[in-house]
């Protein structure tokens, strides 16, 4: 597998993007409500509080998943 550098900022951005996508998919209207904004702020704060150990664990998990996907792709 190609060596991939997943920086802490990239991991945080990825996680927050997933949370943001979840909120946008669950919108009941066209515009973000105050509750939607509150949810996004809470999720952003959660992501920003992740420790270096937690980020390293997430990084390892992502890389392991990518290796499995690559392996499956090679078998096809």
C-alpha atoms as a PDB file:
ATOM      1  CA  UNK A   1       0.000   0.000   0.000  1.00  0.00           C
ATOM      2  CA  UNK A   2       1.211   3.497  -0.776  1.00  0.00           C
ATOM      3  CA  UNK A   3       2.480   5.304   2.300  1.00  0.00           C
ATOM      4  CA  UNK A   4      -0.317   7.665   3.357  1.00  0.00           C
ATOM      5  CA  UNK A   5       0.319  10.506   5.776  1.00  0.00           C
ATOM      6  CA  UNK A   6      -2.818  11.130   7.813  1.00  0.00           C
ATOM      7  CA  UNK A   7      -2.033  14.169   9.917  1.00  0.00           C
ATOM      8  CA  UNK A   8      -3.995  14.990  13.071  1.00  0.00           C
ATOM      9  CA  UNK A   9      -5.643  17.904  11.241  1.00  0.00           C
ATOM     10  CA  UNK A  10      -6.676  15.648   8.375  1.00  0.00           C
ATOM     11  CA  UNK A  11      -8.173  13.095  10.770  1.00  0.00           C
ATOM     12  CA  UNK A  12     -10.072  15.836  12.645  1.00  0.00           C
ATOM     13  CA  UNK A  13     -11.316  17.332   9.385  1.00  0.00           C
ATOM     14  CA  UNK A  14     -12.488  13.921   8.179  1.00  0.00           C
ATOM     15  CA  UNK A  15     -14.389  13.147  11.394  1.00  0.00           C
ATOM     16  CA  UNK A  16     -16.011  16.576  11.521  1.00  0.00           C
ATOM     17  CA  UNK A  17     -16.960  16.287   7.833  1.00  0.00           C
ATOM     18  CA  UNK A  18     -18.767  13.041   8.595  1.00  0.00           C
ATOM     19  CA  UNK A  19     -20.642  14.665  11.482  1.00  0.00           C
ATOM     20  CA  UNK A  20     -21.528  17.632   9.271  1.00  0.00           C
ATOM     21  CA  UNK A  21     -22.808  15.303   6.548  1.00  0.00           C
ATOM     22  CA  UNK A  22     -24.961  13.509   9.130  1.00  0.00           C
ATOM     23  CA  UNK A  23     -26.521  16.787  10.272  1.00  0.00           C
ATOM     24  CA  UNK A  24     -27.137  17.929   6.693  1.00  0.00           C
ATOM     25  CA  UNK A  25     -28.743  14.598   5.761  1.00  0.00           C
ATOM     26  CA  UNK A  26     -31.101  14.876   8.729  1.00  0.00           C
ATOM     27  CA  UNK A  27     -32.218  18.423   7.978  1.00  0.00           C
ATOM     28  CA  UNK A  28     -35.927  18.863   8.210  1.00  0.00           C
ATOM     29  CA  UNK A  29     -35.849  22.046   6.156  1.00  0.00           C
ATOM     30  CA  UNK A  30     -33.642  23.885   3.724  1.00  0.00           C
ATOM     31  CA  UNK A  31     -31.904  26.098   6.268  1.00  0.00           C
ATOM     32  CA  UNK A  32     -29.844  25.100   9.295  1.00  0.00           C
ATOM     33  CA  UNK A  33     -31.826  25.714  12.446  1.00  0.00           C
ATOM     34  CA  UNK A  34     -30.306  26.908  15.699  1.00  0.00           C
ATOM     35  CA  UNK A  35     -30.502  23.302  16.925  1.00  0.00           C
ATOM     36  CA  UNK A  36     -28.610  22.105  13.825  1.00  0.00           C
ATOM     37  CA  UNK A  37     -25.931  24.729  14.430  1.00  0.00           C
ATOM     38  CA  UNK A  38     -25.727  23.756  18.094  1.00  0.00           C
ATOM     39  CA  UNK A  39     -25.224  20.103  17.110  1.00  0.00           C
ATOM     40  CA  UNK A  40     -22.453  21.026  14.688  1.00  0.00           C
ATOM     41  CA  UNK A  41     -20.721  23.185  17.298  1.00  0.00           C
ATOM     42  CA  UNK A  42     -20.880  20.357  19.842  1.00  0.00           C
ATOM     43  CA  UNK A  43     -19.467  17.882  17.339  1.00  0.00           C
ATOM     44  CA  UNK A  44     -16.722  20.321  16.291  1.00  0.00           C
ATOM     45  CA  UNK A  45     -15.794  20.824  19.951  1.00  0.00           C
ATOM     46  CA  UNK A  46     -15.733  17.043  20.488  1.00  0.00           C
ATOM     47  CA  UNK A  47     -13.393  16.571  17.538  1.00  0.00           C
ATOM     48  CA  UNK A  48     -11.129  19.389  18.729  1.00  0.00           C
ATOM     49  CA  UNK A  49     -10.832  17.751  22.170  1.00  0.00           C
ATOM     50  CA  UNK A  50      -9.533  14.421  20.815  1.00  0.00           C
ATOM     51  CA  UNK A  51      -6.208  13.551  22.418  1.00  0.00           C
ATOM     52  CA  UNK A  52      -3.078  12.590  20.498  1.00  0.00           C
ATOM     53  CA  UNK A  53      -3.614   8.985  21.626  1.00  0.00           C
ATOM     54  CA  UNK A  54      -7.204   8.976  20.373  1.00  0.00           C
ATOM     55  CA  UNK A  55      -6.124  10.496  17.060  1.00  0.00           C
ATOM     56  CA  UNK A  56      -3.357   7.895  16.702  1.00  0.00           C
ATOM     57  CA  UNK A  57      -5.887   5.127  17.385  1.00  0.00           C
ATOM     58  CA  UNK A  58      -8.273   6.523  14.759  1.00  0.00           C
ATOM     59  CA  UNK A  59      -5.388   6.899  12.292  1.00  0.00           C
ATOM     60  CA  UNK A  60      -4.424   3.223  12.771  1.00  0.00           C
ATOM     61  CA  UNK A  61      -8.048   2.159  12.342  1.00  0.00           C
ATOM     62  CA  UNK A  62      -8.407   4.141   9.081  1.00  0.00           C
ATOM     63  CA  UNK A  63      -5.145   2.759   7.697  1.00  0.00           C
ATOM     64  CA  UNK A  64      -6.148  -0.801   8.620  1.00  0.00           C
ATOM     65  CA  UNK A  65      -9.491  -0.342   6.843  1.00  0.00           C
ATOM     66  CA  UNK A  66      -7.731   1.030   3.763  1.00  0.00           C
ATOM     67  CA  UNK A  67      -5.389  -1.993   3.726  1.00  0.00           C
ATOM     68  CA  UNK A  68      -8.369  -4.365   3.907  1.00  0.00           C
ATOM     69  CA  UNK A  69     -10.097  -2.528   1.059  1.00  0.00           C
ATOM     70  CA  UNK A  70      -6.926  -2.611  -1.004  1.00  0.00           C
ATOM     71  CA  UNK A  71      -6.531  -6.326  -0.361  1.00  0.00           C
ATOM     72  CA  UNK A  72     -10.150  -6.991  -1.366  1.00  0.00           C
ATOM     73  CA  UNK A  73      -9.708  -4.905  -4.515  1.00  0.00           C
ATOM     74  CA  UNK A  74      -6.624  -6.894  -5.525  1.00  0.00           C
ATOM     75  CA  UNK A  75      -8.557 -10.147  -5.153  1.00  0.00           C
ATOM     76  CA  UNK A  76     -11.248  -9.005  -7.618  1.00  0.00           C
END
